[in-house]
Amino acid sequence: MTNLQAIGCEVSPYCSGDNELELEKAMLSACKQAGVTLAAKEEYTPDNDRIIARAAVLVLVKYLSLSSEKEGEWSQGYNDKLKDRIMFLCRVAEVPVEEVMPNTVITLSHASNRF
């Protein structure tokens, strides 16, 4: 198993892990934050768990704003268990949850009802 595949395992079932570029970008960002260097195609070892967890967090936080996802005949919904998974991975990566998970909700609105 490569480091990229290990990240895919950590983000499953919330995202398929098929988007290799997304996983690789997260791994590069996690490595930069931790001040280390790992190769995406390098063989995974448990010594890299903190970096793998940090990368998985960077991927999963993007899914917090979704309540469901549908693609063709395939669909899935998200619930508060995603936040639990992110908090667990933050503990593994030794990253304060407050750094990655927003504590406020941003709402968008438009002015079309003013006329």
Protein backbone atom coordinates (compact mmCIF):
# COMPACT_ATOMS: atom_id res chain seq x y z
CA MET A 1 0.00 0.00 0.00
CA THR A 2 1.25 3.48 -0.85
CA ASN A 3 0.90 6.61 1.27
CA LEU A 4 -1.78 7.85 -1.15
CA GLN A 5 -3.76 4.62 -0.76
CA ALA A 6 -3.48 4.94 3.03
CA ILE A 7 -5.07 8.39 2.85
CA GLY A 8 -7.81 6.88 0.69
CA CYS A 9 -8.47 4.33 3.44
CA GLU A 10 -8.80 7.09 6.04
CA VAL A 11 -11.29 9.18 4.06
CA SER A 12 -13.50 6.23 3.20
CA PRO A 13 -16.55 6.06 3.19
CA TYR A 14 -17.00 9.84 3.09
CA CYS A 15 -15.24 10.16 -0.22
CA SER A 16 -14.18 7.45 -2.57
CA GLY A 17 -10.48 8.23 -2.63
CA ASP A 18 -10.58 8.01 -6.41
CA ASN A 19 -9.52 11.62 -6.79
CA GLU A 20 -5.80 11.04 -6.64
CA LEU A 21 -4.97 14.72 -7.18
CA GLU A 22 -7.09 15.79 -4.20
CA LEU A 23 -5.38 13.21 -1.97
CA GLU A 24 -1.91 14.12 -3.23
CA LYS A 25 -2.53 17.83 -2.67
CA ALA A 26 -3.70 17.12 0.87
CA MET A 27 -0.62 15.00 1.50
CA LEU A 28 1.71 17.73 0.24
CA SER A 29 -0.04 20.29 2.45
CA ALA A 30 0.11 17.96 5.46
CA CYS A 31 3.82 17.37 4.88
CA LYS A 32 4.48 21.10 4.65
CA GLN A 33 2.54 21.77 7.86
CA ALA A 34 4.49 19.05 9.68
CA GLY A 35 7.84 19.97 8.13
CA VAL A 36 8.46 16.54 6.61
CA THR A 37 8.67 15.04 3.14
CA LEU A 38 6.84 11.92 1.98
CA ALA A 39 6.39 10.58 -1.53
CA ALA A 40 2.83 9.77 -2.60
CA LYS A 41 3.82 6.47 -4.23
CA GLU A 42 6.20 5.52 -1.40
CA GLU A 43 5.34 2.41 0.62
CA TYR A 44 3.14 3.26 3.62
CA THR A 45 4.45 2.54 7.11
CA PRO A 46 2.70 3.14 10.45
CA ASP A 47 5.45 5.67 11.22
CA ASN A 48 3.62 7.99 8.81
CA ASP A 49 0.25 7.78 10.59
CA ARG A 50 0.33 11.38 11.83
CA ILE A 51 0.92 12.76 8.32
CA ILE A 52 -1.65 10.42 6.77
CA ALA A 53 -4.23 11.47 9.38
CA ARG A 54 -3.44 15.15 8.85
CA ALA A 55 -3.90 14.75 5.09
CA ALA A 56 -7.19 12.90 5.62
CA VAL A 57 -8.44 15.77 7.80
CA LEU A 58 -7.62 18.26 5.05
CA VAL A 59 -9.71 16.22 2.63
CA LEU A 60 -12.65 15.55 4.96
CA VAL A 61 -13.19 19.11 6.23
CA LYS A 62 -14.26 20.06 2.71
CA TYR A 63 -17.20 17.67 3.05
CA LEU A 64 -18.61 19.31 6.20
CA SER A 65 -20.73 21.70 4.18
CA LEU A 66 -22.44 18.86 2.31
CA SER A 67 -25.57 17.22 3.59
CA SER A 68 -25.75 14.71 0.76
CA GLU A 69 -24.14 13.82 -2.53
CA LYS A 70 -25.66 12.28 -5.64
CA GLU A 71 -23.95 11.18 -8.82
CA GLY A 72 -26.04 9.27 -11.32
CA GLU A 73 -27.70 6.40 -9.47
CA TRP A 74 -25.17 6.57 -6.62
CA SER A 75 -25.87 8.77 -3.59
CA GLN A 76 -24.89 9.13 0.04
CA GLY A 77 -25.74 11.41 2.94
CA TYR A 78 -23.53 12.86 5.65
CA ASN A 79 -24.28 13.35 9.32
CA ASP A 80 -22.51 14.46 12.46
CA LYS A 81 -20.41 11.27 12.39
CA LEU A 82 -18.19 13.00 9.84
CA LYS A 83 -17.27 15.55 12.51
CA ASP A 84 -16.51 12.69 14.90
CA ARG A 85 -14.22 11.12 12.29
CA ILE A 86 -12.40 14.42 11.74
CA MET A 87 -11.95 14.91 15.50
CA PHE A 88 -10.52 11.38 15.81
CA LEU A 89 -8.07 11.98 12.95
CA CYS A 90 -7.05 15.30 14.53
CA ARG A 91 -6.14 13.45 17.73
CA VAL A 92 -4.08 10.94 15.73
CA ALA A 93 -2.34 13.76 13.84
CA GLU A 94 -1.90 15.80 17.05
CA VAL A 95 -3.64 18.75 15.38
CA PRO A 96 -5.97 20.98 17.42
CA VAL A 97 -9.51 20.51 16.06
CA GLU A 98 -10.06 24.27 16.18
CA GLU A 99 -7.39 24.72 13.49
CA VAL A 100 -9.26 22.71 10.88
CA MET A 101 -12.94 22.63 11.78
CA PRO A 102 -14.92 25.87 11.67
CA ASN A 103 -17.02 26.58 14.73
CA THR A 104 -19.40 28.93 12.95
CA VAL A 105 -21.83 28.39 10.12
CA ILE A 106 -21.55 30.62 7.08
CA THR A 107 -24.81 31.28 5.28
CA LEU A 108 -25.18 32.78 1.86
CA SER A 109 -28.20 34.68 0.69
CA HIS A 110 -29.20 36.68 -2.34
CA ALA A 111 -31.19 39.85 -2.84
CA SER A 112 -33.75 38.48 -5.29
CA ASN A 113 -36.55 38.82 -2.74
CA ARG A 114 -36.12 42.61 -2.52
CA PHE A 115 -38.07 43.35 -5.68
